[in-house]
Amino acid sequence: MAAPLPLSDKQLASIRGATARINIWHGSVRSGKTIASLVCFLLMVRRASASGLIVIVGRSLQTIERNCLDVLQDPTLFGDLAAEVRHTRGATTAVVLGRVVHLVGAADREPRAGCAA
């Protein structure tokens, strides 16, 4: 198997600077935001306390699968860690590094009574 791709200095700096509970990456298309944010996510899952929920929120379950889980499961990018990400397409949970991760598609949710769609 090929070695995972190296990260750029800017990607490493963005990972080191992501110290909040919620972090947002922004910038040019194809600048490495997805890979950097997913590496950071794996680090945060590894460090998370044993209690509490871990959640990935995206526009839809399909976008979470395509943009996060499929990428995390790619051994070309994540090497042996790719085997530590398990998910059945369509399921609302995944197991990442042994932890249950809940997947919430924001567009997939029904609006509550009295709320605008």
PDB file of N, CA and C in Angstrom:
ATOM      1  N   MET A   1       0.855  -1.175   0.000  1.00  0.00           N
ATOM      2  CA  MET A   1       0.000   0.000   0.000  1.00  0.00           C
ATOM      3  C   MET A   1       0.896   1.231   0.000  1.00  0.00           C
ATOM      4  N   ALA A   2       0.510   2.245  -0.746  1.00  0.00           N
ATOM      5  CA  ALA A   2       1.274   3.482  -0.816  1.00  0.00           C
ATOM      6  C   ALA A   2       1.176   4.238   0.504  1.00  0.00           C
ATOM      7  N   ALA A   3       2.211   5.005   0.803  1.00  0.00           N
ATOM      8  CA  ALA A   3       2.208   5.820   2.020  1.00  0.00           C
ATOM      9  C   ALA A   3       1.184   6.939   1.874  1.00  0.00           C
ATOM     10  N   PRO A   4       0.523   7.330   2.967  1.00  0.00           N
ATOM     11  CA  PRO A   4      -0.422   8.448   2.898  1.00  0.00           C
ATOM     12  C   PRO A   4       0.280   9.708   2.403  1.00  0.00           C
ATOM     13  N   LEU A   5      -0.490  10.572   1.760  1.00  0.00           N
ATOM     14  CA  LEU A   5       0.063  11.801   1.217  1.00  0.00           C
ATOM     15  C   LEU A   5       0.517  12.726   2.342  1.00  0.00           C
ATOM     16  N   PRO A   6       1.622  13.443   2.163  1.00  0.00           N
ATOM     17  CA  PRO A   6       2.085  14.374   3.201  1.00  0.00           C
ATOM     18  C   PRO A   6       1.184  15.608   3.245  1.00  0.00           C
ATOM     19  N   LEU A   7       1.168  16.259   4.395  1.00  0.00           N
ATOM     20  CA  LEU A   7       0.396  17.487   4.558  1.00  0.00           C
ATOM     21  C   LEU A   7       1.302  18.690   4.335  1.00  0.00           C
ATOM     22  N   SER A   8       0.737  19.758   3.806  1.00  0.00           N
ATOM     23  CA  SER A   8       1.499  20.990   3.588  1.00  0.00           C
ATOM     24  C   SER A   8       1.669  21.730   4.916  1.00  0.00           C
ATOM     25  N   ASP A   9       2.557  22.709   4.926  1.00  0.00           N
ATOM     26  CA  ASP A   9       2.761  23.522   6.125  1.00  0.00           C
ATOM     27  C   ASP A   9       1.475  24.247   6.516  1.00  0.00           C
ATOM     28  N   LYS A  10       0.710  24.738   5.515  1.00  0.00           N
ATOM     29  CA  LYS A  10      -0.545  25.440   5.808  1.00  0.00           C
ATOM     30  C   LYS A  10      -1.583  24.484   6.392  1.00  0.00           C
ATOM     31  N   GLN A  11      -1.635  23.252   5.877  1.00  0.00           N
ATOM     32  CA  GLN A  11      -2.567  22.270   6.436  1.00  0.00           C
ATOM     33  C   GLN A  11      -2.199  21.963   7.880  1.00  0.00           C
ATOM     34  N   LEU A  12      -0.917  21.746   8.146  1.00  0.00           N
ATOM     35  CA  LEU A  12      -0.476  21.465   9.518  1.00  0.00           C
ATOM     36  C   LEU A  12      -0.779  22.630  10.447  1.00  0.00           C
ATOM     37  N   ALA A  13      -0.567  23.854   9.980  1.00  0.00           N
ATOM     38  CA  ALA A  13      -0.877  25.034  10.794  1.00  0.00           C
ATOM     39  C   ALA A  13      -2.366  25.121  11.086  1.00  0.00           C
ATOM     40  N   SER A  14      -3.200  24.782  10.108  1.00  0.00           N
ATOM     41  CA  SER A  14      -4.650  24.840  10.337  1.00  0.00           C
ATOM     42  C   SER A  14      -5.085  23.794  11.349  1.00  0.00           C
ATOM     43  N   ILE A  15      -4.447  22.626  11.335  1.00  0.00           N
ATOM     44  CA  ILE A  15      -4.772  21.576  12.312  1.00  0.00           C
ATOM     45  C   ILE A  15      -4.346  22.017  13.708  1.00  0.00           C
ATOM     46  N   ARG A  16      -3.133  22.574  13.822  1.00  0.00           N
ATOM     47  CA  ARG A  16      -2.648  23.051  15.131  1.00  0.00           C
ATOM     48  C   ARG A  16      -3.527  24.176  15.668  1.00  0.00           C
ATOM     49  N   GLY A  17      -4.069  25.006  14.774  1.00  0.00           N
ATOM     50  CA  GLY A  17      -4.888  26.140  15.204  1.00  0.00           C
ATOM     51  C   GLY A  17      -6.336  25.796  15.489  1.00  0.00           C
ATOM     52  N   ALA A  18      -6.742  24.581  15.233  1.00  0.00           N
ATOM     53  CA  ALA A  18      -8.145  24.175  15.431  1.00  0.00           C
ATOM     54  C   ALA A  18      -8.322  23.701  16.872  1.00  0.00           C
ATOM     55  N   THR A  19      -8.495  24.653  17.786  1.00  0.00           N
ATOM     56  CA  THR A  19      -8.563  24.310  19.206  1.00  0.00           C
ATOM     57  C   THR A  19      -9.970  24.439  19.794  1.00  0.00           C
ATOM     58  N   ALA A  20     -10.927  24.917  19.018  1.00  0.00           N
ATOM     59  CA  ALA A  20     -12.289  25.089  19.514  1.00  0.00           C
ATOM     60  C   ALA A  20     -13.084  23.796  19.359  1.00  0.00           C
ATOM     61  N   ARG A  21     -14.245  23.737  19.998  1.00  0.00           N
ATOM     62  CA  ARG A  21     -15.119  22.569  19.852  1.00  0.00           C
ATOM     63  C   ARG A  21     -15.660  22.479  18.439  1.00  0.00           C
ATOM     64  N   ILE A  22     -15.875  23.628  17.809  1.00  0.00           N
ATOM     65  CA  ILE A  22     -16.330  23.685  16.420  1.00  0.00           C
ATOM     66  C   ILE A  22     -15.318  24.536  15.662  1.00  0.00           C
ATOM     67  N   ASN A  23     -14.792  24.002  14.573  1.00  0.00           N
ATOM     68  CA  ASN A  23     -13.802  24.701  13.757  1.00  0.00           C
ATOM     69  C   ASN A  23     -14.300  24.742  12.326  1.00  0.00           C
ATOM     70  N   ILE A  24     -14.064  25.857  11.651  1.00  0.00           N
ATOM     71  CA  ILE A  24     -14.506  26.022  10.273  1.00  0.00           C
ATOM     72  C   ILE A  24     -13.288  26.322   9.401  1.00  0.00           C
ATOM     73  N   TRP A  25     -13.132  25.555   8.340  1.00  0.00           N
ATOM     74  CA  TRP A  25     -12.067  25.795   7.372  1.00  0.00           C
ATOM     75  C   TRP A  25     -12.679  26.535   6.190  1.00  0.00           C
ATOM     76  N   HIS A  26     -11.997  27.559   5.708  1.00  0.00           N
ATOM     77  CA  HIS A  26     -12.461  28.274   4.519  1.00  0.00           C
ATOM     78  C   HIS A  26     -11.261  28.590   3.644  1.00  0.00           C
ATOM     79  N   GLY A  27     -11.515  28.772   2.373  1.00  0.00           N
ATOM     80  CA  GLY A  27     -10.433  29.081   1.448  1.00  0.00           C
ATOM     81  C   GLY A  27     -10.754  28.582   0.056  1.00  0.00           C
ATOM     82  N   SER A  28      -9.755  28.597  -0.771  1.00  0.00           N
ATOM     83  CA  SER A  28      -9.912  28.226  -2.173  1.00  0.00           C
ATOM     84  C   SER A  28     -10.305  26.764  -2.343  1.00  0.00           C
ATOM     85  N   VAL A  29     -10.950  26.478  -3.466  1.00  0.00           N
ATOM     86  CA  VAL A  29     -11.267  25.108  -3.840  1.00  0.00           C
ATOM     87  C   VAL A  29      -9.959  24.353  -4.046  1.00  0.00           C
ATOM     88  N   ARG A  30      -9.911  23.106  -3.631  1.00  0.00           N
ATOM     89  CA  ARG A  30      -8.750  22.229  -3.796  1.00  0.00           C
ATOM     90  C   ARG A  30      -7.498  22.732  -3.068  1.00  0.00           C
ATOM     91  N   SER A  31      -7.717  23.386  -1.928  1.00  0.00           N
ATOM     92  CA  SER A  31      -6.577  23.890  -1.165  1.00  0.00           C
ATOM     93  C   SER A  31      -6.185  22.954  -0.021  1.00  0.00           C
ATOM     94  N   GLY A  32      -6.893  21.838   0.130  1.00  0.00           N
ATOM     95  CA  GLY A  32      -6.538  20.869   1.162  1.00  0.00           C
ATOM     96  C   GLY A  32      -7.354  20.972   2.437  1.00  0.00           C
ATOM     97  N   LYS A  33      -8.444  21.751   2.407  1.00  0.00           N
ATOM     98  CA  LYS A  33      -9.260  21.934   3.614  1.00  0.00           C
ATOM     99  C   LYS A  33      -9.882  20.626   4.082  1.00  0.00           C
ATOM    100  N   THR A  34     -10.405  19.836   3.161  1.00  0.00           N
ATOM    101  CA  THR A  34     -11.091  18.606   3.547  1.00  0.00           C
ATOM    102  C   THR A  34     -10.143  17.659   4.257  1.00  0.00           C
ATOM    103  N   ILE A  35      -8.979  17.421   3.694  1.00  0.00           N
ATOM    104  CA  ILE A  35      -8.029  16.486   4.293  1.00  0.00           C
ATOM    105  C   ILE A  35      -7.570  17.002   5.648  1.00  0.00           C
ATOM    106  N   ALA A  36      -7.211  18.285   5.732  1.00  0.00           N
ATOM    107  CA  ALA A  36      -6.762  18.854   7.004  1.00  0.00           C
ATOM    108  C   ALA A  36      -7.845  18.750   8.064  1.00  0.00           C
ATOM    109  N   SER A  37      -9.083  19.069   7.700  1.00  0.00           N
ATOM    110  CA  SER A  37     -10.161  19.015   8.692  1.00  0.00           C
ATOM    111  C   SER A  37     -10.450  17.585   9.126  1.00  0.00           C
ATOM    112  N   LEU A  38     -10.310  16.622   8.221  1.00  0.00           N
ATOM    113  CA  LEU A  38     -10.543  15.225   8.592  1.00  0.00           C
ATOM    114  C   LEU A  38      -9.416  14.676   9.460  1.00  0.00           C
ATOM    115  N   VAL A  39      -8.182  15.078   9.198  1.00  0.00           N
ATOM    116  CA  VAL A  39      -7.077  14.688  10.081  1.00  0.00           C
ATOM    117  C   VAL A  39      -7.330  15.252  11.476  1.00  0.00           C
ATOM    118  N   CYS A  40      -7.737  16.505  11.541  1.00  0.00           N
ATOM    119  CA  CYS A  40      -8.052  17.136  12.824  1.00  0.00           C
ATOM    120  C   CYS A  40      -9.204  16.409  13.518  1.00  0.00           C
ATOM    121  N   PHE A  41     -10.219  16.035  12.752  1.00  0.00           N
ATOM    122  CA  PHE A  41     -11.354  15.295  13.317  1.00  0.00           C
ATOM    123  C   PHE A  41     -10.878  13.987  13.950  1.00  0.00           C
ATOM    124  N   LEU A  42     -10.022  13.243  13.256  1.00  0.00           N
ATOM    125  CA  LEU A  42      -9.501  11.988  13.815  1.00  0.00           C
ATOM    126  C   LEU A  42      -8.732  12.240  15.110  1.00  0.00           C
ATOM    127  N   LEU A  43      -7.942  13.287  15.139  1.00  0.00           N
ATOM    128  CA  LEU A  43      -7.200  13.619  16.358  1.00  0.00           C
ATOM    129  C   LEU A  43      -8.155  13.944  17.507  1.00  0.00           C
ATOM    130  N   MET A  44      -9.219  14.678  17.205  1.00  0.00           N
ATOM    131  CA  MET A  44     -10.189  15.044  18.240  1.00  0.00           C
ATOM    132  C   MET A  44     -10.980  13.834  18.717  1.00  0.00           C
ATOM    133  N   VAL A  45     -11.325  12.926  17.811  1.00  0.00           N
ATOM    134  CA  VAL A  45     -12.021  11.692  18.217  1.00  0.00           C
ATOM    135  C   VAL A  45     -11.111  10.887  19.144  1.00  0.00           C
ATOM    136  N   ARG A  46      -9.840  10.786  18.795  1.00  0.00           N
ATOM    137  CA  ARG A  46      -8.882  10.036  19.612  1.00  0.00           C
ATOM    138  C   ARG A  46      -8.775  10.618  21.016  1.00  0.00           C
ATOM    139  N   ARG A  47      -8.840  11.969  21.130  1.00  0.00           N
ATOM    140  CA  ARG A  47      -8.679  12.643  22.422  1.00  0.00           C
ATOM    141  C   ARG A  47      -9.984  12.822  23.186  1.00  0.00           C
ATOM    142  N   ALA A  48     -11.122  12.543  22.568  1.00  0.00           N
ATOM    143  CA  ALA A  48     -12.423  12.799  23.193  1.00  0.00           C
ATOM    144  C   ALA A  48     -12.610  11.943  24.435  1.00  0.00           C
ATOM    145  N   SER A  49     -13.303  12.508  25.403  1.00  0.00           N
ATOM    146  CA  SER A  49     -13.608  11.739  26.615  1.00  0.00           C
ATOM    147  C   SER A  49     -14.534  10.578  26.261  1.00  0.00           C
ATOM    148  N   ALA A  50     -14.567   9.595  27.117  1.00  0.00           N
ATOM    149  CA  ALA A  50     -15.353   8.388  26.845  1.00  0.00           C
ATOM    150  C   ALA A  50     -16.855   8.659  26.872  1.00  0.00           C
ATOM    151  N   SER A  51     -17.279   9.731  27.530  1.00  0.00           N
ATOM    152  CA  SER A  51     -18.710  10.048  27.580  1.00  0.00           C
ATOM    153  C   SER A  51     -19.013  11.191  26.622  1.00  0.00           C
ATOM    154  N   GLY A  52     -20.258  11.337  26.273  1.00  0.00           N
ATOM    155  CA  GLY A  52     -20.667  12.397  25.370  1.00  0.00           C
ATOM    156  C   GLY A  52     -20.791  11.897  23.938  1.00  0.00           C
ATOM    157  N   LEU A  53     -21.467  12.690  23.137  1.00  0.00           N
ATOM    158  CA  LEU A  53     -21.706  12.327  21.747  1.00  0.00           C
ATOM    159  C   LEU A  53     -20.670  12.962  20.833  1.00  0.00           C
ATOM    160  N   ILE A  54     -20.370  12.256  19.763  1.00  0.00           N
ATOM    161  CA  ILE A  54     -19.578  12.810  18.673  1.00  0.00           C
ATOM    162  C   ILE A  54     -20.518  12.860  17.474  1.00  0.00           C
ATOM    163  N   VAL A  55     -20.605  14.028  16.841  1.00  0.00           N
ATOM    164  CA  VAL A  55     -21.583  14.243  15.775  1.00  0.00           C
ATOM    165  C   VAL A  55     -20.905  14.881  14.565  1.00  0.00           C
ATOM    166  N   ILE A  56     -21.255  14.409  13.391  1.00  0.00           N
ATOM    167  CA  ILE A  56     -20.897  15.089  12.145  1.00  0.00           C
ATOM    168  C   ILE A  56     -22.204  15.606  11.562  1.00  0.00           C
ATOM    169  N   VAL A  57     -22.259  16.900  11.299  1.00  0.00           N
ATOM    170  CA  VAL A  57     -23.448  17.516  10.709  1.00  0.00           C
ATOM    171  C   VAL A  57     -23.084  18.001   9.313  1.00  0.00           C
ATOM    172  N   GLY A  58     -23.931  17.677   8.356  1.00  0.00           N
ATOM    173  CA  GLY A  58     -23.725  18.121   6.978  1.00  0.00           C
ATOM    174  C   GLY A  58     -25.057  18.450   6.341  1.00  0.00           C
ATOM    175  N   ARG A  59     -25.008  18.893   5.116  1.00  0.00           N
ATOM    176  CA  ARG A  59     -26.253  19.240   4.418  1.00  0.00           C
ATOM    177  C   ARG A  59     -27.191  18.042   4.339  1.00  0.00           C
ATOM    178  N   SER A  60     -26.659  16.885   4.020  1.00  0.00           N
ATOM    179  CA  SER A  60     -27.464  15.664   3.977  1.00  0.00           C
ATOM    180  C   SER A  60     -26.573  14.496   4.376  1.00  0.00           C
ATOM    181  N   LEU A  61     -27.195  13.375   4.671  1.00  0.00           N
ATOM    182  CA  LEU A  61     -26.434  12.174   4.996  1.00  0.00           C
ATOM    183  C   LEU A  61     -25.530  11.791   3.830  1.00  0.00           C
ATOM    184  N   GLN A  62     -26.016  11.950   2.617  1.00  0.00           N
ATOM    185  CA  GLN A  62     -25.221  11.599   1.447  1.00  0.00           C
ATOM    186  C   GLN A  62     -23.982  12.486   1.322  1.00  0.00           C
ATOM    187  N   THR A  63     -24.085  13.772   1.646  1.00  0.00           N
ATOM    188  CA  THR A  63     -22.901  14.627   1.565  1.00  0.00           C
ATOM    189  C   THR A  63     -21.896  14.273   2.649  1.00  0.00           C
ATOM    190  N   ILE A  64     -22.362  13.875   3.818  1.00  0.00           N
ATOM    191  CA  ILE A  64     -21.455  13.424   4.876  1.00  0.00           C
ATOM    192  C   ILE A  64     -20.728  12.162   4.432  1.00  0.00           C
ATOM    193  N   GLU A  65     -21.474  11.235   3.834  1.00  0.00           N
ATOM    194  CA  GLU A  65     -20.856   9.995   3.354  1.00  0.00           C
ATOM    195  C   GLU A  65     -19.815  10.285   2.278  1.00  0.00           C
ATOM    196  N   ARG A  66     -20.175  11.112   1.313  1.00  0.00           N
ATOM    197  CA  ARG A  66     -19.286  11.389   0.181  1.00  0.00           C
ATOM    198  C   ARG A  66     -18.076  12.224   0.586  1.00  0.00           C
ATOM    199  N   ASN A  67     -18.284  13.286   1.372  1.00  0.00           N
ATOM    200  CA  ASN A  67     -17.223  14.243   1.658  1.00  0.00           C
ATOM    201  C   ASN A  67     -16.408  13.931   2.906  1.00  0.00           C
ATOM    202  N   CYS A  68     -16.931  13.084   3.784  1.00  0.00           N
ATOM    203  CA  CYS A  68     -16.203  12.756   5.015  1.00  0.00           C
ATOM    204  C   CYS A  68     -15.862  11.269   5.084  1.00  0.00           C
ATOM    205  N   LEU A  69     -16.874  10.434   5.165  1.00  0.00           N
ATOM    206  CA  LEU A  69     -16.634   9.009   5.424  1.00  0.00           C
ATOM    207  C   LEU A  69     -15.917   8.314   4.276  1.00  0.00           C
ATOM    208  N   ASP A  70     -16.329   8.575   3.041  1.00  0.00           N
ATOM    209  CA  ASP A  70     -15.649   7.952   1.901  1.00  0.00           C
ATOM    210  C   ASP A  70     -14.174   8.366   1.856  1.00  0.00           C
ATOM    211  N   VAL A  71     -13.904   9.617   2.157  1.00  0.00           N
ATOM    212  CA  VAL A  71     -12.519  10.104   2.163  1.00  0.00           C
ATOM    213  C   VAL A  71     -11.737   9.450   3.295  1.00  0.00           C
ATOM    214  N   LEU A  72     -12.338   9.391   4.498  1.00  0.00           N
ATOM    215  CA  LEU A  72     -11.663   8.765   5.634  1.00  0.00           C
ATOM    216  C   LEU A  72     -11.375   7.282   5.400  1.00  0.00           C
ATOM    217  N   GLN A  73     -12.190   6.623   4.601  1.00  0.00           N
ATOM    218  CA  GLN A  73     -12.015   5.193   4.337  1.00  0.00           C
ATOM    219  C   GLN A  73     -11.055   4.924   3.174  1.00  0.00           C
ATOM    220  N   ASP A  74     -10.458   5.944   2.619  1.00  0.00           N
ATOM    221  CA  ASP A  74      -9.540   5.783   1.493  1.00  0.00           C
ATOM    222  C   ASP A  74      -8.126   5.509   2.009  1.00  0.00           C
ATOM    223  N   PRO A  75      -7.625   4.281   1.852  1.00  0.00           N
ATOM    224  CA  PRO A  75      -6.289   3.965   2.364  1.00  0.00           C
ATOM    225  C   PRO A  75      -5.174   4.718   1.645  1.00  0.00           C
ATOM    226  N   THR A  76      -5.424   5.212   0.448  1.00  0.00           N
ATOM    227  CA  THR A  76      -4.424   6.020  -0.248  1.00  0.00           C
ATOM    228  C   THR A  76      -4.150   7.307   0.522  1.00  0.00           C
ATOM    229  N   LEU A  77      -5.196   7.844   1.158  1.00  0.00           N
ATOM    230  CA  LEU A  77      -5.063   9.092   1.910  1.00  0.00           C
ATOM    231  C   LEU A  77      -4.745   8.867   3.381  1.00  0.00           C
ATOM    232  N   PHE A  78      -5.377   7.861   3.997  1.00  0.00           N
ATOM    233  CA  PHE A  78      -5.279   7.694   5.448  1.00  0.00           C
ATOM    234  C   PHE A  78      -4.581   6.420   5.885  1.00  0.00           C
ATOM    235  N   GLY A  79      -4.013   5.687   4.950  1.00  0.00           N
ATOM    236  CA  GLY A  79      -3.233   4.502   5.304  1.00  0.00           C
ATOM    237  C   GLY A  79      -4.036   3.504   6.121  1.00  0.00           C
ATOM    238  N   ASP A  80      -3.407   2.952   7.153  1.00  0.00           N
ATOM    239  CA  ASP A  80      -4.054   1.938   7.990  1.00  0.00           C
ATOM    240  C   ASP A  80      -5.234   2.484   8.789  1.00  0.00           C
ATOM    241  N   LEU A  81      -5.280   3.798   9.026  1.00  0.00           N
ATOM    242  CA  LEU A  81      -6.407   4.380   9.759  1.00  0.00           C
ATOM    243  C   LEU A  81      -7.721   4.233   9.004  1.00  0.00           C
ATOM    244  N   ALA A  82      -7.655   4.072   7.696  1.00  0.00           N
ATOM    245  CA  ALA A  82      -8.880   3.926   6.897  1.00  0.00           C
ATOM    246  C   ALA A  82      -9.696   2.725   7.365  1.00  0.00           C
ATOM    247  N   ALA A  83      -9.040   1.684   7.837  1.00  0.00           N
ATOM    248  CA  ALA A  83      -9.744   0.492   8.318  1.00  0.00           C
ATOM    249  C   ALA A  83     -10.438   0.735   9.659  1.00  0.00           C
ATOM    250  N   GLU A  84     -10.104   1.845  10.316  1.00  0.00           N
ATOM    251  CA  GLU A  84     -10.704   2.183  11.613  1.00  0.00           C
ATOM    252  C   GLU A  84     -11.965   3.037  11.461  1.00  0.00           C
ATOM    253  N   VAL A  85     -12.433   3.199  10.221  1.00  0.00           N
ATOM    254  CA  VAL A  85     -13.658   3.957   9.942  1.00  0.00           C
ATOM    255  C   VAL A  85     -14.631   2.994   9.284  1.00  0.00           C
ATOM    256  N   ARG A  86     -15.705   2.669  10.009  1.00  0.00           N
ATOM    257  CA  ARG A  86     -16.686   1.713   9.496  1.00  0.00           C
ATOM    258  C   ARG A  86     -18.063   2.377   9.423  1.00  0.00           C
ATOM    259  N   HIS A  87     -18.703   2.187   8.268  1.00  0.00           N
ATOM    260  CA  HIS A  87     -20.014   2.794   8.052  1.00  0.00           C
ATOM    261  C   HIS A  87     -20.754   2.006   6.986  1.00  0.00           C
ATOM    262  N   THR A  88     -22.033   1.779   7.231  1.00  0.00           N
ATOM    263  CA  THR A  88     -22.921   1.175   6.241  1.00  0.00           C
ATOM    264  C   THR A  88     -23.700   2.300   5.581  1.00  0.00           C
ATOM    265  N   ARG A  89     -23.616   2.386   4.254  1.00  0.00           N
ATOM    266  CA  ARG A  89     -24.275   3.470   3.524  1.00  0.00           C
ATOM    267  C   ARG A  89     -25.740   3.564   3.931  1.00  0.00           C
ATOM    268  N   GLY A  90     -26.173   4.778   4.254  1.00  0.00           N
ATOM    269  CA  GLY A  90     -27.550   5.030   4.663  1.00  0.00           C
ATOM    270  C   GLY A  90     -27.759   5.006   6.170  1.00  0.00           C
ATOM    271  N   ALA A  91     -26.822   4.436   6.923  1.00  0.00           N
ATOM    272  CA  ALA A  91     -26.946   4.387   8.384  1.00  0.00           C
ATOM    273  C   ALA A  91     -26.637   5.761   8.971  1.00  0.00           C
ATOM    274  N   THR A  92     -27.263   6.092  10.086  1.00  0.00           N
ATOM    275  CA  THR A  92     -27.067   7.402  10.707  1.00  0.00           C
ATOM    276  C   THR A  92     -25.985   7.393  11.776  1.00  0.00           C
ATOM    277  N   THR A  93     -25.226   6.318  11.846  1.00  0.00           N
ATOM    278  CA  THR A  93     -24.056   6.270  12.715  1.00  0.00           C
ATOM    279  C   THR A  93     -22.909   5.621  11.961  1.00  0.00           C
ATOM    280  N   ALA A  94     -21.708   5.914  12.429  1.00  0.00           N
ATOM    281  CA  ALA A  94     -20.494   5.278  11.933  1.00  0.00           C
ATOM    282  C   ALA A  94     -19.647   4.961  13.163  1.00  0.00           C
ATOM    283  N   VAL A  95     -18.662   4.119  12.999  1.00  0.00           N
ATOM    284  CA  VAL A  95     -17.705   3.859  14.072  1.00  0.00           C
ATOM    285  C   VAL A  95     -16.351   4.359  13.580  1.00  0.00           C
ATOM    286  N   VAL A  96     -15.811   5.314  14.301  1.00  0.00           N
ATOM    287  CA  VAL A  96     -14.533   5.920  13.945  1.00  0.00           C
ATOM    288  C   VAL A  96     -13.596   5.745  15.127  1.00  0.00           C
ATOM    289  N   LEU A  97     -12.496   5.041  14.909  1.00  0.00           N
ATOM    290  CA  LEU A  97     -11.516   4.778  15.964  1.00  0.00           C
ATOM    291  C   LEU A  97     -12.170   4.176  17.203  1.00  0.00           C
ATOM    292  N   GLY A  98     -13.157   3.315  16.969  1.00  0.00           N
ATOM    293  CA  GLY A  98     -13.839   2.630  18.062  1.00  0.00           C
ATOM    294  C   GLY A  98     -14.946   3.418  18.727  1.00  0.00           C
ATOM    295  N   ARG A  99     -15.195   4.646  18.295  1.00  0.00           N
ATOM    296  CA  ARG A  99     -16.245   5.475  18.883  1.00  0.00           C
ATOM    297  C   ARG A  99     -17.425   5.591  17.929  1.00  0.00           C
ATOM    298  N   VAL A 100     -18.630   5.564  18.475  1.00  0.00           N
ATOM    299  CA  VAL A 100     -19.833   5.778  17.668  1.00  0.00           C
ATOM    300  C   VAL A 100     -19.912   7.259  17.333  1.00  0.00           C
ATOM    301  N   VAL A 101     -20.098   7.557  16.053  1.00  0.00           N
ATOM    302  CA  VAL A 101     -20.238   8.930  15.573  1.00  0.00           C
ATOM    303  C   VAL A 101     -21.614   9.045  14.939  1.00  0.00           C
ATOM    304  N   HIS A 102     -22.407   9.998  15.407  1.00  0.00           N
ATOM    305  CA  HIS A 102     -23.751  10.218  14.876  1.00  0.00           C
ATOM    306  C   HIS A 102     -23.667  11.137  13.664  1.00  0.00           C
ATOM    307  N   LEU A 103     -24.435  10.817  12.641  1.00  0.00           N
ATOM    308  CA  LEU A 103     -24.419  11.549  11.379  1.00  0.00           C
ATOM    309  C   LEU A 103     -25.761  12.246  11.196  1.00  0.00           C
ATOM    310  N   VAL A 104     -25.740  13.563  11.114  1.00  0.00           N
ATOM    311  CA  VAL A 104     -26.978  14.333  11.027  1.00  0.00           C
ATOM    312  C   VAL A 104     -26.963  15.138   9.731  1.00  0.00           C
ATOM    313  N   GLY A 105     -27.880  14.800   8.842  1.00  0.00           N
ATOM    314  CA  GLY A 105     -28.071  15.584   7.626  1.00  0.00           C
ATOM    315  C   GLY A 105     -29.085  16.673   7.910  1.00  0.00           C
ATOM    316  N   ALA A 106     -28.662  17.924   7.887  1.00  0.00           N
ATOM    317  CA  ALA A 106     -29.541  19.031   8.253  1.00  0.00           C
ATOM    318  C   ALA A 106     -30.746  19.127   7.324  1.00  0.00           C
ATOM    319  N   ALA A 107     -30.565  18.894   6.028  1.00  0.00           N
ATOM    320  CA  ALA A 107     -31.669  18.984   5.074  1.00  0.00           C
ATOM    321  C   ALA A 107     -32.599  17.780   5.187  1.00  0.00           C
ATOM    322  N   ASP A 108     -32.155  16.711   5.862  1.00  0.00           N
ATOM    323  CA  ASP A 108     -32.954  15.500   5.986  1.00  0.00           C
ATOM    324  C   ASP A 108     -33.950  15.570   7.145  1.00  0.00           C
ATOM    325  N   ARG A 109     -33.837  16.588   7.988  1.00  0.00           N
ATOM    326  CA  ARG A 109     -34.680  16.690   9.178  1.00  0.00           C
ATOM    327  C   ARG A 109     -35.982  17.400   8.861  1.00  0.00           C
ATOM    328  N   GLU A 110     -37.054  16.924   9.487  1.00  0.00           N
ATOM    329  CA  GLU A 110     -38.343  17.564   9.382  1.00  0.00           C
ATOM    330  C   GLU A 110     -38.351  18.832  10.229  1.00  0.00           C
ATOM    331  N   PRO A 111     -38.893  19.946   9.726  1.00  0.00           N
ATOM    332  CA  PRO A 111     -38.972  21.144  10.569  1.00  0.00           C
ATOM    333  C   PRO A 111     -39.928  20.918  11.729  1.00  0.00           C
ATOM    334  N   ARG A 112     -39.622  21.536  12.855  1.00  0.00           N
ATOM    335  CA  ARG A 112     -40.507  21.435  14.014  1.00  0.00           C
ATOM    336  C   ARG A 112     -41.741  22.291  13.796  1.00  0.00           C
ATOM    337  N   ALA A 113     -42.823  21.944  14.479  1.00  0.00           N
ATOM    338  CA  ALA A 113     -44.052  22.722  14.359  1.00  0.00           C
ATOM    339  C   ALA A 113     -43.775  24.177  14.734  1.00  0.00           C
ATOM    340  N   GLY A 114     -44.261  25.096  13.927  1.00  0.00           N
ATOM    341  CA  GLY A 114     -44.087  26.523  14.206  1.00  0.00           C
ATOM    342  C   GLY A 114     -42.794  27.091  13.656  1.00  0.00           C
ATOM    343  N   CYS A 115     -41.952  26.249  13.049  1.00  0.00           N
ATOM    344  CA  CYS A 115     -40.695  26.739  12.481  1.00  0.00           C
ATOM    345  C   CYS A 115     -40.802  26.771  10.955  1.00  0.00           C
ATOM    346  N   ALA A 116     -40.220  27.775  10.393  1.00  0.00           N
ATOM    347  CA  ALA A 116     -40.202  27.877   8.928  1.00  0.00           C
ATOM    348  C   ALA A 116     -39.234  26.863   8.352  1.00  0.00           C
ATOM    349  N   ALA A 117     -39.563  26.337   7.200  1.00  0.00           N
ATOM    350  CA  ALA A 117     -38.705  25.333   6.564  1.00  0.00           C
ATOM    351  C   ALA A 117     -37.536  25.964   5.872  1.00  0.00           C
TER     352      ALA A 117
END
